[in-house]
């Protein structure tokens, strides 16, 4: 698989539920994406200034969820 295609997959926050363990039942609750300046407009890549809020179950089978927010403040 080409590196650009792999980067695009992992750079899209909507794919987080697919890469996290299923028992976490992770969901993306809010997303404000600011694409990197050099990213094609048709891609949902998260760049500096993006905010993503997710919620998940921290322990299997427990009914409560934790919520966390990721602020992307810089890219290497």
C-alpha atoms as a PDB file:
ATOM      1  CA  UNK A   1       0.000   0.000   0.000  1.00  0.00           C
ATOM      2  CA  UNK A   2       1.414   3.436  -0.890  1.00  0.00           C
ATOM      3  CA  UNK A   3       2.610   5.581   2.011  1.00  0.00           C
ATOM      4  CA  UNK A   4       0.372   8.480   0.951  1.00  0.00           C
ATOM      5  CA  UNK A   5      -2.698   6.245   1.153  1.00  0.00           C
ATOM      6  CA  UNK A   6      -1.709   4.995   4.628  1.00  0.00           C
ATOM      7  CA  UNK A   7      -1.089   8.575   5.833  1.00  0.00           C
ATOM      8  CA  UNK A   8      -4.466   9.660   4.468  1.00  0.00           C
ATOM      9  CA  UNK A   9      -6.219   6.855   6.368  1.00  0.00           C
ATOM     10  CA  UNK A  10      -4.534   7.602   9.708  1.00  0.00           C
ATOM     11  CA  UNK A  11      -4.778  11.376   9.191  1.00  0.00           C
ATOM     12  CA  UNK A  12      -8.582  11.252   8.998  1.00  0.00           C
ATOM     13  CA  UNK A  13     -10.176  11.312  12.494  1.00  0.00           C
ATOM     14  CA  UNK A  14     -13.289   9.562  11.157  1.00  0.00           C
ATOM     15  CA  UNK A  15     -11.190   6.391  10.941  1.00  0.00           C
ATOM     16  CA  UNK A  16     -10.433   6.323  14.696  1.00  0.00           C
ATOM     17  CA  UNK A  17     -13.279   3.875  15.500  1.00  0.00           C
ATOM     18  CA  UNK A  18     -11.863   1.462  12.913  1.00  0.00           C
ATOM     19  CA  UNK A  19      -8.375   1.360  14.450  1.00  0.00           C
ATOM     20  CA  UNK A  20      -9.372   1.234  18.134  1.00  0.00           C
ATOM     21  CA  UNK A  21     -10.367  -2.036  19.861  1.00  0.00           C
ATOM     22  CA  UNK A  22     -14.028  -2.849  19.242  1.00  0.00           C
ATOM     23  CA  UNK A  23     -14.846  -3.246  22.943  1.00  0.00           C
ATOM     24  CA  UNK A  24     -14.129   0.470  23.446  1.00  0.00           C
ATOM     25  CA  UNK A  25     -17.103   1.444  21.258  1.00  0.00           C
ATOM     26  CA  UNK A  26     -15.218   4.617  20.356  1.00  0.00           C
ATOM     27  CA  UNK A  27     -17.204   7.296  18.587  1.00  0.00           C
ATOM     28  CA  UNK A  28     -16.249  10.686  17.214  1.00  0.00           C
ATOM     29  CA  UNK A  29     -18.629  13.133  18.924  1.00  0.00           C
ATOM     30  CA  UNK A  30     -17.360  16.408  17.461  1.00  0.00           C
ATOM     31  CA  UNK A  31     -14.875  17.294  14.803  1.00  0.00           C
ATOM     32  CA  UNK A  32     -13.599  20.613  13.509  1.00  0.00           C
ATOM     33  CA  UNK A  33     -11.008  19.942  10.827  1.00  0.00           C
ATOM     34  CA  UNK A  34      -8.487  22.471   9.567  1.00  0.00           C
ATOM     35  CA  UNK A  35      -6.640  20.774   6.703  1.00  0.00           C
ATOM     36  CA  UNK A  36      -2.886  21.197   6.297  1.00  0.00           C
ATOM     37  CA  UNK A  37      -2.090  23.965   3.770  1.00  0.00           C
ATOM     38  CA  UNK A  38      -0.705  21.514   1.212  1.00  0.00           C
ATOM     39  CA  UNK A  39      -3.528  18.926   1.507  1.00  0.00           C
ATOM     40  CA  UNK A  40      -5.926  18.387  -1.400  1.00  0.00           C
ATOM     41  CA  UNK A  41      -9.333  19.958  -0.671  1.00  0.00           C
ATOM     42  CA  UNK A  42     -11.214  16.676  -1.173  1.00  0.00           C
ATOM     43  CA  UNK A  43      -9.373  14.994   1.720  1.00  0.00           C
ATOM     44  CA  UNK A  44     -10.311  15.153   5.429  1.00  0.00           C
ATOM     45  CA  UNK A  45      -6.815  15.392   6.904  1.00  0.00           C
ATOM     46  CA  UNK A  46      -6.458  17.030  10.310  1.00  0.00           C
ATOM     47  CA  UNK A  47      -3.895  19.792  10.481  1.00  0.00           C
ATOM     48  CA  UNK A  48      -2.861  22.457  12.971  1.00  0.00           C
ATOM     49  CA  UNK A  49      -5.945  24.008  14.564  1.00  0.00           C
ATOM     50  CA  UNK A  50      -8.126  20.899  14.268  1.00  0.00           C
ATOM     51  CA  UNK A  51     -10.227  19.760  17.239  1.00  0.00           C
ATOM     52  CA  UNK A  52     -11.578  16.231  17.696  1.00  0.00           C
ATOM     53  CA  UNK A  53     -13.733  15.063  20.621  1.00  0.00           C
ATOM     54  CA  UNK A  54     -14.223  11.335  21.114  1.00  0.00           C
ATOM     55  CA  UNK A  55     -15.938   9.191  23.723  1.00  0.00           C
ATOM     56  CA  UNK A  56     -15.249   5.564  24.588  1.00  0.00           C
ATOM     57  CA  UNK A  57     -15.663   2.845  27.177  1.00  0.00           C
ATOM     58  CA  UNK A  58     -12.445   2.631  29.223  1.00  0.00           C
ATOM     59  CA  UNK A  59     -13.152  -0.889  30.520  1.00  0.00           C
ATOM     60  CA  UNK A  60     -15.013  -3.613  28.606  1.00  0.00           C
ATOM     61  CA  UNK A  61     -18.702  -4.092  29.461  1.00  0.00           C
ATOM     62  CA  UNK A  62     -18.960  -1.078  31.783  1.00  0.00           C
ATOM     63  CA  UNK A  63     -21.881   1.184  30.861  1.00  0.00           C
ATOM     64  CA  UNK A  64     -20.123   4.543  31.316  1.00  0.00           C
ATOM     65  CA  UNK A  65     -18.060   6.413  28.750  1.00  0.00           C
ATOM     66  CA  UNK A  66     -15.114   8.781  28.997  1.00  0.00           C
ATOM     67  CA  UNK A  67     -14.775  11.796  26.751  1.00  0.00           C
ATOM     68  CA  UNK A  68     -11.529  13.325  25.580  1.00  0.00           C
ATOM     69  CA  UNK A  69     -10.611  16.150  23.237  1.00  0.00           C
ATOM     70  CA  UNK A  70      -7.583  16.323  20.950  1.00  0.00           C
ATOM     71  CA  UNK A  71      -6.290  19.737  19.893  1.00  0.00           C
ATOM     72  CA  UNK A  72      -3.764  19.558  17.075  1.00  0.00           C
ATOM     73  CA  UNK A  73      -1.361  22.400  17.799  1.00  0.00           C
ATOM     74  CA  UNK A  74       1.425  21.524  15.391  1.00  0.00           C
ATOM     75  CA  UNK A  75       2.686  18.985  12.922  1.00  0.00           C
ATOM     76  CA  UNK A  76       6.268  17.781  12.559  1.00  0.00           C
END
